[in-house]
Amino acid sequence: MNLRKLFLAAACLTMLTVAKATPPARPMDGSVIKVVITGGPNAGTYNLTSDKTTCTRNATGINSFGNQYSTREATGLTSVQLIISDAQKAGSGGTSDCYASVRFGKIIGGTKYEFGKLPASLGGEDAGGKGMASLAGSGNSTTSTIEGTTKAGIKLQITIQCKSVLDLEKK
């Protein structure tokens, strides 16, 4: 009888240890990014995925939304940056108050396509060109769509499906 109790206690302890070692379920991190470029030497469709969080809220100001995707590669599409200054406007019909940048090759010195104006918190530089941004969804399930034309006439369409969003709001 004591052997049965010992065996049962060992089994219960094993189950308890396994249950405590399993981390709680959480939403899938990362993003799925699609970039379509019309015109220029890098024209084409590019599909990227990241298992890390690339989307943020409130990083460049209150109610802002952004994406910061970069790789360490020296070739191909290596960076997709997006800043929407007013996420509320973008979520209710769209806003032209946005900035987008796509880079090929090295982060410094590669080919960059950009349009829009950086927010004042980042210097307010105007890259030229025009664009519109919209947001759909909420929380950790947000999709941003931004379309625009660089000052050189290159058209960009960027869709970012965020599986997780880092909110940097100060509370």
N, C-alpha and C. Protein backbone atom coordinates (compact mmCIF):
# COMPACT_ATOMS: atom_id res chain seq x y z
N MET A 1 0.82 -1.18 0.00
CA MET A 1 0.00 0.00 0.00
C MET A 1 0.87 1.26 0.00
N ASN A 2 1.93 1.29 0.81
CA ASN A 2 2.82 2.44 0.85
C ASN A 2 3.51 2.66 -0.49
N LEU A 3 3.80 1.58 -1.21
CA LEU A 3 4.42 1.68 -2.52
C LEU A 3 3.49 2.36 -3.51
N ARG A 4 2.18 2.03 -3.45
CA ARG A 4 1.19 2.69 -4.31
C ARG A 4 1.12 4.18 -4.02
N LYS A 5 1.10 4.57 -2.74
CA LYS A 5 1.03 5.98 -2.37
C LYS A 5 2.28 6.72 -2.86
N LEU A 6 3.43 6.09 -2.74
CA LEU A 6 4.66 6.70 -3.21
C LEU A 6 4.63 6.89 -4.72
N PHE A 7 4.17 5.87 -5.46
CA PHE A 7 4.06 5.95 -6.92
C PHE A 7 3.08 7.06 -7.32
N LEU A 8 1.91 7.13 -6.66
CA LEU A 8 0.91 8.14 -6.94
C LEU A 8 1.45 9.54 -6.64
N ALA A 9 2.17 9.70 -5.55
CA ALA A 9 2.76 11.00 -5.20
C ALA A 9 3.79 11.41 -6.24
N ALA A 10 4.60 10.47 -6.69
CA ALA A 10 5.62 10.77 -7.71
C ALA A 10 4.94 11.18 -9.03
N ALA A 11 3.88 10.50 -9.41
CA ALA A 11 3.14 10.83 -10.63
C ALA A 11 2.53 12.22 -10.54
N CYS A 12 1.93 12.54 -9.40
CA CYS A 12 1.33 13.87 -9.20
C CYS A 12 2.40 14.96 -9.24
N LEU A 13 3.54 14.70 -8.62
CA LEU A 13 4.63 15.67 -8.62
C LEU A 13 5.15 15.90 -10.04
N THR A 14 5.25 14.84 -10.82
CA THR A 14 5.70 14.96 -12.21
C THR A 14 4.72 15.81 -13.01
N MET A 15 3.42 15.56 -12.86
CA MET A 15 2.40 16.33 -13.58
C MET A 15 2.43 17.79 -13.16
N LEU A 16 2.62 18.05 -11.90
CA LEU A 16 2.67 19.42 -11.40
C LEU A 16 3.89 20.14 -11.98
N THR A 17 5.03 19.47 -12.04
CA THR A 17 6.24 20.06 -12.58
C THR A 17 6.07 20.37 -14.06
N VAL A 18 5.48 19.45 -14.83
CA VAL A 18 5.25 19.67 -16.26
C VAL A 18 4.28 20.83 -16.46
N ALA A 19 3.23 20.91 -15.67
CA ALA A 19 2.24 21.99 -15.80
C ALA A 19 2.88 23.34 -15.50
N LYS A 20 3.74 23.41 -14.50
CA LYS A 20 4.38 24.69 -14.17
C LYS A 20 5.43 25.07 -15.21
N ALA A 21 6.05 24.13 -15.88
CA ALA A 21 7.10 24.42 -16.86
C ALA A 21 6.53 24.89 -18.19
N THR A 22 5.25 24.67 -18.45
CA THR A 22 4.65 25.09 -19.71
C THR A 22 4.24 26.54 -19.62
N PRO A 23 4.80 27.43 -20.50
CA PRO A 23 4.43 28.84 -20.43
C PRO A 23 2.99 29.05 -20.86
N PRO A 24 2.36 30.11 -20.36
CA PRO A 24 0.99 30.38 -20.76
C PRO A 24 0.89 30.71 -22.24
N ALA A 25 -0.25 30.41 -22.84
CA ALA A 25 -0.46 30.72 -24.25
C ALA A 25 -0.47 32.23 -24.43
N ARG A 26 0.06 32.72 -25.54
CA ARG A 26 0.06 34.14 -25.85
C ARG A 26 -0.12 34.32 -27.34
N PRO A 27 -0.51 35.51 -27.78
CA PRO A 27 -0.73 35.70 -29.20
C PRO A 27 0.57 35.51 -29.98
N MET A 28 0.45 35.10 -31.21
CA MET A 28 1.60 34.90 -32.08
C MET A 28 2.26 36.25 -32.35
N ASP A 29 3.55 36.33 -32.13
CA ASP A 29 4.29 37.56 -32.43
C ASP A 29 4.55 37.66 -33.92
N GLY A 30 4.95 38.83 -34.34
CA GLY A 30 5.42 39.00 -35.70
C GLY A 30 4.50 39.77 -36.62
N SER A 31 4.91 39.80 -37.89
CA SER A 31 4.19 40.54 -38.91
C SER A 31 4.35 39.85 -40.27
N VAL A 32 3.37 40.08 -41.11
CA VAL A 32 3.43 39.66 -42.51
C VAL A 32 3.36 40.94 -43.34
N ILE A 33 4.35 41.16 -44.19
CA ILE A 33 4.47 42.42 -44.92
C ILE A 33 4.49 42.15 -46.42
N LYS A 34 3.69 42.90 -47.15
CA LYS A 34 3.68 42.80 -48.62
C LYS A 34 3.98 44.19 -49.17
N VAL A 35 4.96 44.26 -50.05
CA VAL A 35 5.36 45.52 -50.68
C VAL A 35 5.25 45.34 -52.18
N VAL A 36 4.52 46.25 -52.84
CA VAL A 36 4.42 46.25 -54.29
C VAL A 36 5.01 47.57 -54.78
N ILE A 37 6.01 47.47 -55.65
CA ILE A 37 6.67 48.65 -56.20
C ILE A 37 6.40 48.68 -57.70
N THR A 38 5.90 49.83 -58.17
CA THR A 38 5.62 50.01 -59.59
C THR A 38 6.54 51.11 -60.10
N GLY A 39 7.42 50.74 -61.02
CA GLY A 39 8.38 51.67 -61.58
C GLY A 39 9.75 51.49 -60.95
N GLY A 40 10.76 51.89 -61.68
CA GLY A 40 12.12 51.84 -61.16
C GLY A 40 12.76 50.46 -61.25
N PRO A 41 14.03 50.37 -60.91
CA PRO A 41 14.79 49.12 -61.05
C PRO A 41 14.37 48.00 -60.08
N ASN A 42 13.67 48.33 -59.01
CA ASN A 42 13.25 47.32 -58.04
C ASN A 42 11.76 47.00 -58.13
N ALA A 43 11.14 47.32 -59.27
CA ALA A 43 9.71 47.05 -59.44
C ALA A 43 9.43 45.57 -59.20
N GLY A 44 8.32 45.30 -58.53
CA GLY A 44 7.94 43.93 -58.26
C GLY A 44 7.16 43.82 -56.96
N THR A 45 6.83 42.57 -56.61
CA THR A 45 6.09 42.28 -55.38
C THR A 45 7.02 41.54 -54.43
N TYR A 46 7.04 41.97 -53.20
CA TYR A 46 7.91 41.39 -52.19
C TYR A 46 7.08 40.98 -50.97
N ASN A 47 7.26 39.76 -50.53
CA ASN A 47 6.54 39.24 -49.35
C ASN A 47 7.56 38.93 -48.26
N LEU A 48 7.35 39.53 -47.11
CA LEU A 48 8.26 39.38 -45.98
C LEU A 48 7.50 38.88 -44.77
N THR A 49 8.18 38.16 -43.91
CA THR A 49 7.60 37.77 -42.63
C THR A 49 8.64 38.02 -41.55
N SER A 50 8.14 38.32 -40.37
CA SER A 50 9.01 38.49 -39.21
C SER A 50 8.37 37.76 -38.05
N ASP A 51 9.15 37.01 -37.31
CA ASP A 51 8.63 36.36 -36.12
C ASP A 51 8.77 37.28 -34.90
N LYS A 52 9.31 38.46 -35.12
CA LYS A 52 9.44 39.45 -34.05
C LYS A 52 8.40 40.55 -34.25
N THR A 53 8.04 41.22 -33.18
CA THR A 53 7.09 42.31 -33.25
C THR A 53 7.73 43.48 -34.00
N THR A 54 7.08 43.94 -35.08
CA THR A 54 7.58 45.08 -35.84
C THR A 54 6.64 46.29 -35.74
N CYS A 55 5.45 46.09 -35.23
CA CYS A 55 4.44 47.15 -35.18
C CYS A 55 4.38 47.79 -33.79
N THR A 56 4.19 49.12 -33.79
CA THR A 56 4.14 49.85 -32.53
C THR A 56 3.00 50.86 -32.52
N ARG A 57 2.55 51.16 -31.33
CA ARG A 57 1.62 52.27 -31.09
C ARG A 57 2.32 53.25 -30.15
N ASN A 58 2.09 54.53 -30.38
CA ASN A 58 2.57 55.60 -29.50
C ASN A 58 4.09 55.70 -29.43
N ALA A 59 4.83 55.21 -30.42
CA ALA A 59 6.29 55.28 -30.39
C ALA A 59 6.81 56.64 -30.82
N THR A 60 6.11 57.32 -31.74
CA THR A 60 6.58 58.61 -32.24
C THR A 60 5.67 59.76 -31.81
N GLY A 61 4.76 59.47 -30.92
CA GLY A 61 3.83 60.47 -30.41
C GLY A 61 2.55 59.79 -29.96
N ILE A 62 1.75 60.53 -29.21
CA ILE A 62 0.47 60.00 -28.75
C ILE A 62 -0.39 59.64 -29.96
N ASN A 63 -1.00 58.46 -29.94
CA ASN A 63 -1.91 57.98 -30.98
C ASN A 63 -1.22 57.69 -32.31
N SER A 64 0.09 57.52 -32.32
CA SER A 64 0.79 57.17 -33.56
C SER A 64 0.80 55.65 -33.74
N PHE A 65 1.07 55.24 -34.96
CA PHE A 65 1.20 53.82 -35.28
C PHE A 65 2.39 53.68 -36.22
N GLY A 66 3.16 52.62 -36.08
CA GLY A 66 4.31 52.47 -36.95
C GLY A 66 4.74 51.03 -37.15
N ASN A 67 5.65 50.87 -38.08
CA ASN A 67 6.27 49.58 -38.35
C ASN A 67 7.76 49.82 -38.54
N GLN A 68 8.57 48.99 -37.90
CA GLN A 68 10.01 49.09 -38.03
C GLN A 68 10.55 47.69 -38.34
N TYR A 69 10.67 47.38 -39.62
CA TYR A 69 11.19 46.08 -40.05
C TYR A 69 12.54 46.32 -40.72
N SER A 70 13.56 45.62 -40.27
CA SER A 70 14.88 45.69 -40.89
C SER A 70 15.57 44.34 -40.73
N THR A 71 16.41 44.03 -41.70
CA THR A 71 17.23 42.82 -41.61
C THR A 71 18.70 43.24 -41.64
N ARG A 72 19.56 42.29 -41.39
CA ARG A 72 21.00 42.55 -41.44
C ARG A 72 21.57 42.17 -42.81
N GLU A 73 20.71 41.74 -43.70
CA GLU A 73 21.17 41.34 -45.04
C GLU A 73 21.73 42.55 -45.78
N ALA A 74 22.58 42.31 -46.75
CA ALA A 74 23.16 43.40 -47.54
C ALA A 74 22.52 43.49 -48.92
N THR A 75 21.61 42.56 -49.23
CA THR A 75 20.96 42.57 -50.55
C THR A 75 19.47 42.35 -50.38
N GLY A 76 18.73 42.68 -51.43
CA GLY A 76 17.28 42.49 -51.40
C GLY A 76 16.59 43.58 -50.61
N LEU A 77 15.31 43.38 -50.35
CA LEU A 77 14.52 44.31 -49.56
C LEU A 77 14.91 44.14 -48.10
N THR A 78 15.52 45.16 -47.52
CA THR A 78 16.09 45.03 -46.18
C THR A 78 15.41 45.88 -45.11
N SER A 79 14.53 46.80 -45.52
CA SER A 79 13.90 47.66 -44.52
C SER A 79 12.55 48.17 -45.01
N VAL A 80 11.55 48.14 -44.13
CA VAL A 80 10.24 48.73 -44.38
C VAL A 80 9.87 49.52 -43.13
N GLN A 81 9.78 50.84 -43.28
CA GLN A 81 9.47 51.73 -42.16
C GLN A 81 8.17 52.46 -42.46
N LEU A 82 7.34 52.58 -41.47
CA LEU A 82 6.05 53.25 -41.62
C LEU A 82 5.75 54.05 -40.36
N ILE A 83 5.28 55.28 -40.55
CA ILE A 83 4.82 56.09 -39.43
C ILE A 83 3.49 56.72 -39.82
N ILE A 84 2.50 56.48 -39.01
CA ILE A 84 1.20 57.13 -39.16
C ILE A 84 1.04 58.00 -37.92
N SER A 85 0.97 59.31 -38.12
CA SER A 85 0.94 60.23 -36.97
C SER A 85 -0.36 60.18 -36.19
N ASP A 86 -1.48 59.90 -36.87
CA ASP A 86 -2.78 59.87 -36.20
C ASP A 86 -3.49 58.55 -36.52
N ALA A 87 -3.31 57.57 -35.65
CA ALA A 87 -3.90 56.24 -35.87
C ALA A 87 -5.43 56.30 -35.89
N GLN A 88 -6.00 57.21 -35.13
CA GLN A 88 -7.46 57.32 -35.09
C GLN A 88 -8.00 57.74 -36.46
N LYS A 89 -7.38 58.73 -37.09
CA LYS A 89 -7.79 59.16 -38.44
C LYS A 89 -7.59 58.01 -39.44
N ALA A 90 -6.46 57.33 -39.32
CA ALA A 90 -6.17 56.23 -40.25
C ALA A 90 -7.19 55.12 -40.11
N GLY A 91 -7.72 54.94 -38.90
CA GLY A 91 -8.70 53.89 -38.65
C GLY A 91 -10.12 54.27 -39.04
N SER A 92 -10.34 55.55 -39.30
CA SER A 92 -11.70 55.99 -39.66
C SER A 92 -11.70 56.67 -41.02
N GLY A 93 -11.15 56.01 -42.01
CA GLY A 93 -11.20 56.54 -43.36
C GLY A 93 -9.86 56.83 -44.00
N GLY A 94 -8.81 56.92 -43.21
CA GLY A 94 -7.49 57.14 -43.79
C GLY A 94 -6.95 58.53 -43.51
N THR A 95 -5.63 58.67 -43.68
CA THR A 95 -4.95 59.94 -43.45
C THR A 95 -3.77 60.08 -44.40
N SER A 96 -3.52 61.32 -44.79
CA SER A 96 -2.33 61.60 -45.60
C SER A 96 -1.15 62.00 -44.71
N ASP A 97 -1.36 62.05 -43.41
CA ASP A 97 -0.33 62.40 -42.46
C ASP A 97 0.47 61.15 -42.11
N CYS A 98 1.33 60.75 -43.06
CA CYS A 98 2.07 59.49 -42.91
C CYS A 98 3.42 59.59 -43.60
N TYR A 99 4.27 58.63 -43.29
CA TYR A 99 5.60 58.52 -43.89
C TYR A 99 5.87 57.04 -44.13
N ALA A 100 6.45 56.72 -45.28
CA ALA A 100 6.84 55.35 -45.58
C ALA A 100 8.22 55.35 -46.23
N SER A 101 8.99 54.33 -45.91
CA SER A 101 10.33 54.16 -46.47
C SER A 101 10.57 52.68 -46.72
N VAL A 102 11.07 52.37 -47.90
CA VAL A 102 11.44 51.00 -48.27
C VAL A 102 12.88 51.06 -48.75
N ARG A 103 13.72 50.17 -48.24
CA ARG A 103 15.13 50.21 -48.62
C ARG A 103 15.59 48.86 -49.15
N PHE A 104 16.42 48.93 -50.19
CA PHE A 104 17.05 47.75 -50.77
C PHE A 104 18.54 47.84 -50.52
N GLY A 105 19.14 46.72 -50.13
CA GLY A 105 20.57 46.69 -49.89
C GLY A 105 20.91 47.15 -48.49
N LYS A 106 22.12 47.63 -48.34
CA LYS A 106 22.62 48.04 -47.03
C LYS A 106 21.77 49.15 -46.45
N ILE A 107 21.58 49.10 -45.13
CA ILE A 107 20.77 50.10 -44.44
C ILE A 107 21.32 51.50 -44.68
N ILE A 108 22.64 51.64 -44.68
CA ILE A 108 23.26 52.92 -45.01
C ILE A 108 23.88 52.76 -46.39
N GLY A 109 23.36 53.52 -47.34
CA GLY A 109 23.92 53.48 -48.68
C GLY A 109 23.13 52.69 -49.70
N GLY A 110 22.10 51.96 -49.26
CA GLY A 110 21.29 51.21 -50.21
C GLY A 110 20.32 52.13 -50.95
N THR A 111 19.50 51.56 -51.80
CA THR A 111 18.49 52.32 -52.55
C THR A 111 17.25 52.49 -51.68
N LYS A 112 16.81 53.74 -51.52
CA LYS A 112 15.67 54.02 -50.66
C LYS A 112 14.57 54.69 -51.47
N TYR A 113 13.33 54.21 -51.26
CA TYR A 113 12.14 54.84 -51.81
C TYR A 113 11.32 55.32 -50.62
N GLU A 114 10.91 56.60 -50.65
CA GLU A 114 10.16 57.12 -49.52
C GLU A 114 9.18 58.20 -49.98
N PHE A 115 8.17 58.40 -49.16
CA PHE A 115 7.26 59.52 -49.37
C PHE A 115 6.68 59.93 -48.04
N GLY A 116 6.15 61.16 -48.00
CA GLY A 116 5.51 61.65 -46.79
C GLY A 116 6.42 62.50 -45.95
N LYS A 117 5.92 62.83 -44.78
CA LYS A 117 6.63 63.73 -43.87
C LYS A 117 6.79 63.05 -42.51
N LEU A 118 8.01 63.11 -41.98
CA LEU A 118 8.26 62.58 -40.65
C LEU A 118 7.56 63.46 -39.61
N PRO A 119 7.12 62.87 -38.49
CA PRO A 119 6.51 63.68 -37.44
C PRO A 119 7.53 64.64 -36.83
N ALA A 120 7.03 65.69 -36.20
CA ALA A 120 7.90 66.69 -35.57
C ALA A 120 8.84 66.05 -34.56
N SER A 121 8.39 64.99 -33.86
CA SER A 121 9.23 64.33 -32.86
C SER A 121 10.48 63.69 -33.47
N LEU A 122 10.47 63.50 -34.81
CA LEU A 122 11.63 62.93 -35.51
C LEU A 122 12.25 63.93 -36.48
N GLY A 123 11.99 65.21 -36.28
CA GLY A 123 12.61 66.25 -37.09
C GLY A 123 11.71 66.88 -38.13
N GLY A 124 10.60 66.24 -38.48
CA GLY A 124 9.63 66.82 -39.40
C GLY A 124 10.08 66.91 -40.85
N GLU A 125 11.13 66.20 -41.24
CA GLU A 125 11.63 66.27 -42.62
C GLU A 125 10.57 65.77 -43.61
N ASP A 126 10.42 66.50 -44.70
CA ASP A 126 9.47 66.13 -45.75
C ASP A 126 10.23 65.43 -46.86
N ALA A 127 9.91 64.15 -47.10
CA ALA A 127 10.58 63.36 -48.13
C ALA A 127 10.00 63.63 -49.52
N GLY A 128 8.90 64.37 -49.57
CA GLY A 128 8.25 64.62 -50.85
C GLY A 128 7.32 63.47 -51.18
N GLY A 129 6.68 63.59 -52.32
CA GLY A 129 5.72 62.58 -52.70
C GLY A 129 4.45 62.70 -51.89
N LYS A 130 3.51 61.82 -52.17
CA LYS A 130 2.22 61.84 -51.48
C LYS A 130 1.79 60.42 -51.16
N GLY A 131 1.01 60.28 -50.09
CA GLY A 131 0.51 58.96 -49.73
C GLY A 131 -0.70 59.02 -48.84
N MET A 132 -1.35 57.88 -48.69
CA MET A 132 -2.51 57.70 -47.80
C MET A 132 -2.29 56.43 -47.00
N ALA A 133 -2.69 56.49 -45.74
CA ALA A 133 -2.56 55.33 -44.86
C ALA A 133 -3.89 55.04 -44.19
N SER A 134 -4.16 53.75 -43.99
CA SER A 134 -5.36 53.35 -43.25
C SER A 134 -5.00 52.20 -42.32
N LEU A 135 -5.82 52.05 -41.28
CA LEU A 135 -5.66 50.98 -40.30
C LEU A 135 -6.98 50.25 -40.15
N ALA A 136 -6.90 48.94 -39.97
CA ALA A 136 -8.08 48.13 -39.69
C ALA A 136 -7.73 47.18 -38.55
N GLY A 137 -8.72 46.85 -37.74
CA GLY A 137 -8.50 45.96 -36.61
C GLY A 137 -8.12 46.74 -35.37
N SER A 138 -7.74 46.02 -34.34
CA SER A 138 -7.34 46.66 -33.09
C SER A 138 -6.46 45.73 -32.29
N GLY A 139 -5.85 46.28 -31.27
CA GLY A 139 -5.01 45.47 -30.40
C GLY A 139 -3.89 44.78 -31.15
N ASN A 140 -3.73 43.49 -30.89
CA ASN A 140 -2.66 42.72 -31.51
C ASN A 140 -3.01 42.20 -32.89
N SER A 141 -4.13 42.60 -33.42
CA SER A 141 -4.53 42.17 -34.75
C SER A 141 -4.87 43.41 -35.58
N THR A 142 -3.85 44.07 -36.08
CA THR A 142 -4.02 45.32 -36.81
C THR A 142 -3.38 45.19 -38.18
N THR A 143 -4.08 45.67 -39.20
CA THR A 143 -3.53 45.69 -40.56
C THR A 143 -3.41 47.14 -41.01
N SER A 144 -2.23 47.51 -41.45
CA SER A 144 -2.01 48.85 -41.99
C SER A 144 -1.80 48.74 -43.50
N THR A 145 -2.40 49.69 -44.21
CA THR A 145 -2.24 49.76 -45.65
C THR A 145 -1.81 51.18 -45.98
N ILE A 146 -0.74 51.30 -46.73
CA ILE A 146 -0.25 52.62 -47.12
C ILE A 146 0.10 52.58 -48.60
N GLU A 147 -0.39 53.57 -49.31
CA GLU A 147 -0.12 53.67 -50.75
C GLU A 147 0.33 55.08 -51.04
N GLY A 148 1.33 55.20 -51.90
CA GLY A 148 1.80 56.53 -52.24
C GLY A 148 2.78 56.51 -53.39
N THR A 149 3.24 57.71 -53.72
CA THR A 149 4.17 57.90 -54.83
C THR A 149 5.33 58.75 -54.34
N THR A 150 6.54 58.31 -54.62
CA THR A 150 7.73 59.07 -54.24
C THR A 150 7.83 60.32 -55.12
N LYS A 151 8.71 61.25 -54.75
CA LYS A 151 8.86 62.45 -55.57
C LYS A 151 9.45 62.11 -56.95
N ALA A 152 10.05 60.93 -57.09
CA ALA A 152 10.58 60.48 -58.39
C ALA A 152 9.52 59.73 -59.21
N GLY A 153 8.30 59.57 -58.66
CA GLY A 153 7.23 58.92 -59.40
C GLY A 153 7.11 57.41 -59.21
N ILE A 154 7.89 56.83 -58.30
CA ILE A 154 7.80 55.39 -58.01
C ILE A 154 6.59 55.16 -57.10
N LYS A 155 5.73 54.21 -57.46
CA LYS A 155 4.54 53.92 -56.65
C LYS A 155 4.83 52.79 -55.68
N LEU A 156 4.39 52.98 -54.42
CA LEU A 156 4.54 51.98 -53.38
C LEU A 156 3.17 51.62 -52.82
N GLN A 157 2.94 50.33 -52.63
CA GLN A 157 1.77 49.83 -51.91
C GLN A 157 2.31 48.88 -50.85
N ILE A 158 2.01 49.18 -49.60
CA ILE A 158 2.53 48.38 -48.50
C ILE A 158 1.37 47.94 -47.62
N THR A 159 1.30 46.64 -47.36
CA THR A 159 0.30 46.10 -46.45
C THR A 159 1.03 45.34 -45.35
N ILE A 160 0.72 45.68 -44.11
CA ILE A 160 1.39 45.05 -42.97
C ILE A 160 0.32 44.46 -42.06
N GLN A 161 0.36 43.14 -41.91
CA GLN A 161 -0.55 42.45 -40.99
C GLN A 161 0.22 42.19 -39.71
N CYS A 162 -0.17 42.91 -38.67
CA CYS A 162 0.51 42.79 -37.38
C CYS A 162 -0.16 41.70 -36.55
N LYS A 163 0.63 40.73 -36.12
CA LYS A 163 0.13 39.69 -35.22
C LYS A 163 0.32 40.09 -33.77
N SER A 164 1.18 41.08 -33.56
CA SER A 164 1.40 41.64 -32.23
C SER A 164 1.80 43.10 -32.40
N VAL A 165 1.38 43.94 -31.47
CA VAL A 165 1.67 45.37 -31.52
C VAL A 165 2.20 45.79 -30.15
N LEU A 166 3.34 46.43 -30.15
CA LEU A 166 3.95 46.92 -28.93
C LEU A 166 3.41 48.33 -28.66
N ASP A 167 2.72 48.52 -27.55
CA ASP A 167 2.16 49.81 -27.20
C ASP A 167 3.10 50.51 -26.22
N LEU A 168 3.65 51.65 -26.62
CA LEU A 168 4.61 52.38 -25.80
C LEU A 168 3.99 53.57 -25.08
N GLU A 169 2.68 53.57 -24.92
CA GLU A 169 2.00 54.66 -24.22
C GLU A 169 2.47 54.70 -22.77
N LYS A 170 2.78 55.89 -22.32
CA LYS A 170 3.21 56.09 -20.92
C LYS A 170 1.97 56.19 -20.07
N LYS A 171 1.88 55.34 -19.06
CA LYS A 171 0.71 55.33 -18.19
C LYS A 171 1.05 55.80 -16.82
